[in-house]
Amino acid sequence: MRVCIFGAGAIGGFIGARLAAAGVAQLSVVARGDTLAALQQHGFRLRNPDGSLTQAPVRASATPAELGEQDLVIIAVKGQAMAAAAPAIGPLLGPQTVLLPAMNGIPWWFSAGVPELGAAPLGSVDPGGHIAQALPVSRIIGCVVHASTSCPEPGLVAHQMGQKLIIGEPAAGPVTPRVQQVAELLRSGGLEVVESPELRRELWYKLWGNLTTNPVSAITGATVDLIIGDPLLRTFCASMMEEAARVGARIGCRIEQTPADRHRITASLGAFKTSMLQDAEAGRTIELDGIVGAVREIAQRVGEPTPGIDALLGLTRVFAQVHGLYPRPQGAA
C-alpha cells in the first residue's frame, strides 16, 4: 500500500515513525523547512516513553507531485493550515485514494450529512467550503487520536503516553471494508486501533474535554493537573462542558459521562501540557477555531445558548491576538 504522511509534526511524525519502522507500507512524507531537512538526513525519529529511540528511513519531499498518487494519505497538519494544505494534497490523489485526517478539534467534513447543521460548511473551519471542494467527504475516514506527543526539535517526536486511534466512516453505520483495511495497516505499526461505527460521536467526546483544558492552559500556562485541581477552574470548565454536552445531544453526539467523570479520568494522566499550550509556548498559531470556534458555530446553528463557551472563545482569542498566536481583525492596529 502506498501511504503518505502529509505533515510530520508531533502526530504525523509519531504515526509515520511507527509505520516506517514496521516496514508495512511504501511510505513517504510531505514536509518542509527544518523538518524536511531532518527527515531527509535522519529519517523518522521517535523517542519512546522508555527513553529508547525508534529510527527509520523515509522518502521525504516538499513537493507532493514528486511522490505521486497514493492509496492512503494521513493528514496531520493543524486545522488553521488546512486551507493552504488542501490544494497541495491534490497531486497525491488517485481515483480510490482514502484520506485519514488525524487532527485536533472539529474537521472540515464534520457537518456533512448532519441535517441539523444544514448544507453550508462550517465557516469557522472551512470558510467558503474550499477545503471540502478539494477533499470531499466521500474520501474521508475519520480519526480520533488519543496520544500525547511533542516535537522537541524538527524531525524528532517525543511520545509520552497513549497510542490509540479511533477510526470510522463519517456517517454512522457498520464498519466498512476500507476502514478495516486501514485499521489493519495501523495495527501492523504497533498502534492500538478501534474501529467505530459512530466516529462523529467519538470525535465530539474527545473535544468535550479539550474544549476547556486547551484554551485555559494556553491562557494560564498551566498543565492540566493544575487546571482541574483548582476548584474554581474545575467548576468553570464543568459549566462549559455541560453546555457542549447539550449541543452534542442536538446533533446525535450524546455524552454519557458527567464533567466530574471526565475530570477523574484526566486527573489520572498526571501533569501534561495540552497541544494548545505547547503551541503557545513555541510561538505557533493556536487551533482555536477548530477546538472552540466550531463548537460555538454549531451551537448557534442548532439554537443552543453557550454563554460560557462564548466568553472562553473571546478571552482566548484576545489573548492569542495580543501574543501573535491568532490573526487580528482586518484593519486592527
Protein backbone atom coordinates (compact mmCIF):
# COMPACT_ATOMS: atom_id res chain seq x y z
CA MET A 1 0.00 0.00 0.00
CA ARG A 2 1.28 3.47 -0.91
CA VAL A 3 0.91 5.69 2.16
CA CYS A 4 1.85 9.34 2.51
CA ILE A 5 2.02 11.33 5.74
CA PHE A 6 1.09 14.95 4.97
CA GLY A 7 2.60 16.94 7.83
CA ALA A 8 5.36 15.50 10.03
CA GLY A 9 4.75 17.25 13.32
CA ALA A 10 4.05 15.54 16.62
CA ILE A 11 1.17 13.32 15.45
CA GLY A 12 2.25 12.80 11.85
CA GLY A 13 5.78 12.01 12.95
CA PHE A 14 4.52 9.58 15.59
CA ILE A 15 2.31 7.61 13.19
CA GLY A 16 4.89 7.82 10.42
CA ALA A 17 7.72 6.55 12.59
CA ARG A 18 5.67 3.57 13.71
CA LEU A 19 4.71 2.62 10.15
CA ALA A 20 8.22 3.22 8.79
CA ALA A 21 9.86 1.11 11.49
CA ALA A 22 7.43 -1.75 10.80
CA GLY A 23 8.07 -1.58 7.05
CA VAL A 24 4.42 -2.29 6.30
CA ALA A 25 3.85 0.21 3.50
CA GLN A 26 5.52 2.10 0.69
CA LEU A 27 5.80 5.16 2.89
CA SER A 28 6.50 8.79 2.04
CA VAL A 29 6.07 12.12 3.80
CA VAL A 30 5.39 15.70 2.77
CA ALA A 31 7.20 18.19 5.00
CA ARG A 32 9.04 21.48 4.69
CA GLY A 33 11.79 23.61 6.19
CA ASP A 34 13.91 22.24 9.02
CA THR A 35 11.59 19.25 9.47
CA LEU A 36 12.09 18.24 5.84
CA ALA A 37 15.88 18.58 6.15
CA ALA A 38 15.89 16.45 9.31
CA LEU A 39 13.76 13.74 7.72
CA GLN A 40 15.95 13.62 4.63
CA GLN A 41 19.06 13.30 6.80
CA HIS A 42 17.87 11.02 9.61
CA GLY A 43 14.50 9.58 8.58
CA PHE A 44 11.76 9.38 11.19
CA ARG A 45 12.97 9.58 14.79
CA LEU A 46 10.70 8.72 17.70
CA ARG A 47 11.72 8.91 21.35
CA ASN A 48 9.63 6.31 23.15
CA PRO A 49 8.26 6.63 26.71
CA ASP A 50 11.05 4.32 27.99
CA GLY A 51 13.71 6.61 26.51
CA SER A 52 14.64 4.37 23.59
CA LEU A 53 14.83 5.79 20.07
CA THR A 54 12.99 4.38 17.07
CA GLN A 55 14.54 5.46 13.78
CA ALA A 56 13.57 4.50 10.22
CA PRO A 57 14.27 5.94 6.76
CA VAL A 58 11.50 7.52 4.70
CA ARG A 59 11.18 9.26 1.36
CA ALA A 60 10.56 12.92 2.20
CA SER A 61 9.70 15.79 -0.11
CA ALA A 62 8.23 19.28 -0.01
CA THR A 63 6.60 18.65 -3.39
CA PRO A 64 3.62 16.25 -3.36
CA ALA A 65 3.78 15.77 -7.14
CA GLU A 66 7.19 14.09 -6.71
CA LEU A 67 5.57 11.38 -4.58
CA GLY A 68 2.69 10.55 -6.94
CA GLU A 69 -0.74 9.09 -6.32
CA GLN A 70 -1.28 7.31 -3.00
CA ASP A 71 -3.65 4.69 -1.64
CA LEU A 72 -3.85 6.43 1.75
CA VAL A 73 -2.95 9.98 2.80
CA ILE A 74 -2.73 10.60 6.53
CA ILE A 75 -3.29 14.33 7.06
CA ALA A 76 -1.59 15.56 10.21
CA VAL A 77 -1.49 19.34 9.97
CA LYS A 78 -3.08 21.93 12.24
CA GLY A 79 -6.63 22.94 11.42
CA GLN A 80 -5.59 26.51 10.66
CA ALA A 81 -3.19 25.18 7.99
CA MET A 82 -5.81 23.16 6.12
CA ALA A 83 -6.94 25.92 3.76
CA ALA A 84 -3.42 26.05 2.31
CA ALA A 85 -2.82 22.31 2.59
CA ALA A 86 -5.99 21.15 0.80
CA PRO A 87 -4.98 22.13 -2.76
CA ALA A 88 -1.43 20.92 -2.12
CA ILE A 89 -2.75 17.42 -1.35
CA GLY A 90 -4.30 17.21 -4.84
CA PRO A 91 -1.30 15.58 -6.61
CA LEU A 92 -1.41 12.71 -4.09
CA LEU A 93 -4.98 11.78 -5.01
CA GLY A 94 -5.87 8.94 -7.35
CA PRO A 95 -9.38 7.66 -8.10
CA GLN A 96 -9.51 5.49 -4.96
CA THR A 97 -7.28 7.44 -2.56
CA VAL A 98 -8.54 7.47 1.03
CA LEU A 99 -7.87 10.41 3.35
CA LEU A 100 -7.34 9.92 7.09
CA PRO A 101 -7.25 13.31 8.85
CA ALA A 102 -5.51 12.83 12.22
CA MET A 103 -6.22 16.28 13.65
CA ASN A 104 -7.48 18.01 16.76
CA GLY A 105 -10.89 19.63 17.05
CA ILE A 106 -13.74 19.74 14.56
CA PRO A 107 -12.61 18.86 11.00
CA TRP A 108 -13.93 20.44 7.81
CA TRP A 109 -16.06 17.40 6.98
CA PHE A 110 -17.88 17.20 10.34
CA SER A 111 -21.15 18.87 9.30
CA ALA A 112 -21.60 16.97 6.03
CA GLY A 113 -24.72 14.83 6.17
CA VAL A 114 -25.89 16.19 9.54
CA PRO A 115 -29.40 17.60 8.86
CA GLU A 116 -29.43 19.75 11.99
CA LEU A 117 -26.40 21.69 10.72
CA GLY A 118 -27.70 22.47 7.25
CA ALA A 119 -25.89 22.23 3.94
CA ALA A 120 -23.39 25.07 4.38
CA PRO A 121 -19.87 24.16 5.52
CA LEU A 122 -18.75 25.34 8.94
CA GLY A 123 -17.24 28.76 8.35
CA SER A 124 -15.05 28.51 11.43
CA VAL A 125 -13.03 25.62 9.95
CA ASP A 126 -13.77 25.81 6.21
CA PRO A 127 -14.57 29.38 5.12
CA GLY A 128 -16.21 29.27 1.70
CA GLY A 129 -16.19 25.48 1.63
CA HIS A 130 -12.92 25.36 -0.34
CA ILE A 131 -11.42 22.52 1.73
CA ALA A 132 -14.49 20.33 1.20
CA GLN A 133 -14.34 21.01 -2.53
CA ALA A 134 -10.72 19.86 -2.72
CA LEU A 135 -11.06 16.99 -0.22
CA PRO A 136 -14.64 15.66 -0.40
CA VAL A 137 -16.19 13.69 2.44
CA SER A 138 -16.50 10.61 0.20
CA ARG A 139 -12.73 10.13 0.54
CA ILE A 140 -12.68 10.54 4.31
CA ILE A 141 -12.13 8.01 7.05
CA GLY A 142 -12.39 9.93 10.31
CA CYS A 143 -9.77 9.55 13.01
CA VAL A 144 -9.62 10.49 16.69
CA VAL A 145 -6.13 10.45 18.20
CA HIS A 146 -5.59 9.58 21.85
CA ALA A 147 -1.83 10.04 22.22
CA SER A 148 0.39 12.59 23.92
CA THR A 149 3.33 13.60 21.73
CA SER A 150 5.54 16.63 21.18
CA CYS A 151 8.36 17.83 18.92
CA PRO A 152 11.43 18.85 20.97
CA GLU A 153 13.25 19.60 17.70
CA PRO A 154 12.48 19.37 13.98
CA GLY A 155 12.13 15.78 12.84
CA LEU A 156 12.18 14.32 16.36
CA VAL A 157 8.96 13.27 18.09
CA ALA A 158 8.74 12.53 21.81
CA HIS A 159 5.98 10.10 22.75
CA GLN A 160 4.76 10.50 26.32
CA MET A 161 1.73 8.22 26.58
CA GLY A 162 -1.22 6.75 24.72
CA GLN A 163 -1.25 5.21 21.26
CA LYS A 164 -4.92 4.75 20.46
CA LEU A 165 -6.51 5.75 17.18
CA ILE A 166 -10.28 5.51 16.73
CA ILE A 167 -11.27 5.39 13.07
CA GLY A 168 -14.52 5.08 11.17
CA GLU A 169 -16.69 6.36 8.36
CA PRO A 170 -18.05 9.91 8.84
CA ALA A 171 -21.64 8.64 8.71
CA ALA A 172 -22.79 6.31 11.49
CA GLY A 173 -23.22 2.73 10.39
CA PRO A 174 -21.46 -0.63 10.08
CA VAL A 175 -17.67 -0.72 9.86
CA THR A 176 -16.74 -0.84 6.18
CA PRO A 177 -14.03 -2.91 4.45
CA ARG A 178 -11.91 0.15 3.78
CA VAL A 179 -11.96 1.06 7.48
CA GLN A 180 -10.94 -2.49 8.32
CA GLN A 181 -8.08 -2.31 5.82
CA VAL A 182 -6.74 0.95 7.22
CA ALA A 183 -7.14 -0.33 10.77
CA GLU A 184 -5.08 -3.43 9.95
CA LEU A 185 -2.33 -1.29 8.43
CA LEU A 186 -2.14 0.92 11.52
CA ARG A 187 -2.15 -2.08 13.87
CA SER A 188 0.77 -3.56 11.96
CA GLY A 189 2.69 -0.47 13.04
CA GLY A 190 2.04 -1.31 16.69
CA LEU A 191 -0.75 1.21 17.18
CA GLU A 192 -3.90 0.47 19.17
CA VAL A 193 -6.81 0.90 16.75
CA VAL A 194 -10.54 0.90 17.45
CA GLU A 195 -12.99 0.67 14.54
CA SER A 196 -16.00 2.78 15.47
CA PRO A 197 -19.49 2.75 13.92
CA GLU A 198 -20.09 6.22 15.45
CA LEU A 199 -16.96 8.21 14.65
CA ARG A 200 -18.55 11.66 14.96
CA ARG A 201 -19.64 10.84 18.50
CA GLU A 202 -16.09 9.70 19.39
CA LEU A 203 -14.72 12.94 17.98
CA TRP A 204 -17.20 15.02 19.99
CA TYR A 205 -16.35 13.12 23.17
CA LYS A 206 -12.65 13.94 22.87
CA LEU A 207 -13.47 17.55 22.04
CA TRP A 208 -15.76 17.72 25.08
CA GLY A 209 -12.69 17.65 27.32
CA ASN A 210 -10.23 19.54 25.10
CA LEU A 211 -12.69 22.38 24.57
CA THR A 212 -11.91 23.74 28.02
CA THR A 213 -8.48 22.50 29.08
CA ASN A 214 -6.74 23.51 25.85
CA PRO A 215 -7.63 27.23 25.85
CA VAL A 216 -7.44 27.56 29.64
CA SER A 217 -3.95 26.05 29.58
CA ALA A 218 -2.86 28.43 26.84
CA ILE A 219 -4.08 31.48 28.78
CA THR A 220 -2.69 30.38 32.16
CA GLY A 221 0.40 28.45 31.09
CA ALA A 222 -0.70 25.66 33.44
CA THR A 223 -0.52 21.92 32.98
CA VAL A 224 -3.87 20.12 33.05
CA ASP A 225 -3.44 18.76 36.59
CA LEU A 226 -3.26 22.32 37.94
CA ILE A 227 -6.34 23.39 35.97
CA ILE A 228 -8.63 20.63 37.19
CA GLY A 229 -7.02 20.70 40.63
CA ASP A 230 -8.25 24.23 41.23
CA PRO A 231 -11.89 24.12 42.45
CA LEU A 232 -12.89 27.37 40.77
CA LEU A 233 -11.37 26.48 37.42
CA ARG A 234 -12.77 22.96 37.62
CA THR A 235 -16.28 24.38 38.13
CA PHE A 236 -15.73 26.87 35.31
CA CYS A 237 -14.68 24.07 32.95
CA ALA A 238 -17.57 21.84 34.07
CA SER A 239 -20.15 24.51 33.23
CA MET A 240 -18.84 24.79 29.66
CA MET A 241 -18.72 21.01 29.32
CA GLU A 242 -22.40 20.93 30.26
CA GLU A 243 -23.09 23.48 27.51
CA ALA A 244 -21.15 21.38 24.98
CA ALA A 245 -22.99 18.22 26.07
CA ARG A 246 -26.33 19.90 25.34
CA VAL A 247 -25.08 20.93 21.91
CA GLY A 248 -23.84 17.42 21.20
CA ALA A 249 -27.21 15.93 22.12
CA ARG A 250 -28.82 18.12 19.43
CA ILE A 251 -26.62 16.62 16.67
CA GLY A 252 -26.59 12.96 17.68
CA CYS A 253 -23.38 13.13 19.72
CA ARG A 254 -24.73 12.45 23.20
CA ILE A 255 -22.27 12.45 26.11
CA GLU A 256 -22.97 9.75 28.69
CA GLN A 257 -20.47 10.95 31.33
CA THR A 258 -20.60 13.88 33.72
CA PRO A 259 -17.84 16.51 33.77
CA ALA A 260 -16.73 15.06 37.11
CA ASP A 261 -16.34 11.64 35.46
CA ARG A 262 -14.14 13.12 32.75
CA HIS A 263 -12.08 15.13 35.23
CA ARG A 264 -11.28 11.98 37.19
CA ILE A 265 -10.00 10.33 34.01
CA THR A 266 -7.94 13.39 33.14
CA ALA A 267 -6.51 13.61 36.66
CA SER A 268 -5.25 10.03 36.35
CA LEU A 269 -2.99 11.13 33.48
CA GLY A 270 -0.97 13.43 35.74
CA ALA A 271 0.74 16.66 34.73
CA PHE A 272 0.86 17.23 30.98
CA LYS A 273 0.80 20.13 28.56
CA THR A 274 -2.07 20.37 26.10
CA SER A 275 -1.28 20.78 22.42
CA MET A 276 -2.53 24.36 22.57
CA LEU A 277 -0.18 25.20 25.44
CA GLN A 278 2.72 23.63 23.54
CA ASP A 279 1.90 25.78 20.52
CA ALA A 280 1.54 28.94 22.61
CA GLU A 281 4.89 28.39 24.32
CA ALA A 282 6.56 27.79 20.94
CA GLY A 283 5.02 30.95 19.45
CA ARG A 284 2.94 28.97 16.93
CA THR A 285 -0.61 29.87 15.98
CA ILE A 286 -3.19 28.01 18.06
CA GLU A 287 -6.05 25.75 16.94
CA LEU A 288 -8.72 27.98 18.45
CA ASP A 289 -11.24 27.80 15.61
CA GLY A 290 -11.36 24.01 15.40
CA ILE A 291 -11.45 23.43 19.15
CA VAL A 292 -13.69 26.27 20.40
CA GLY A 293 -14.94 28.38 17.50
CA ALA A 294 -16.56 25.46 15.69
CA VAL A 295 -18.42 24.39 18.83
CA ARG A 296 -19.87 27.89 19.16
CA GLU A 297 -20.87 27.91 15.48
CA ILE A 298 -22.58 24.52 15.78
CA ALA A 299 -24.41 25.73 18.90
CA GLN A 300 -25.66 28.79 17.02
CA ARG A 301 -26.93 26.62 14.16
CA VAL A 302 -28.97 24.41 16.49
CA GLY A 303 -30.12 27.33 18.68
CA GLU A 304 -28.38 26.22 21.88
CA PRO A 305 -27.08 29.06 24.13
CA THR A 306 -23.42 28.76 25.16
CA PRO A 307 -22.53 31.85 27.24
CA GLY A 308 -19.54 30.19 28.91
CA ILE A 309 -18.06 28.89 25.66
CA ASP A 310 -18.66 32.29 24.05
CA ALA A 311 -16.74 34.00 26.85
CA LEU A 312 -13.88 31.49 26.72
CA LEU A 313 -13.60 31.96 22.97
CA GLY A 314 -13.40 35.73 23.37
CA LEU A 315 -10.85 35.56 26.19
CA THR A 316 -8.60 33.13 24.34
CA ARG A 317 -8.92 34.95 21.04
CA VAL A 318 -7.82 38.28 22.51
CA PHE A 319 -5.01 36.61 24.47
CA ALA A 320 -3.79 34.94 21.29
CA GLN A 321 -4.07 38.11 19.21
CA VAL A 322 -2.02 40.06 21.74
CA HIS A 323 0.69 37.38 21.66
CA GLY A 324 0.70 36.96 17.87
CA LEU A 325 -0.86 33.49 18.01
CA TYR A 326 -4.14 34.26 16.19
CA PRO A 327 -4.98 36.71 13.37
CA ARG A 328 -6.14 40.16 14.40
CA PRO A 329 -9.30 41.54 12.76
CA GLN A 330 -8.65 43.23 9.45
CA GLY A 331 -7.80 46.87 9.95
CA ALA A 332 -6.78 46.41 13.60
CA ALA A 333 -3.58 48.07 14.69
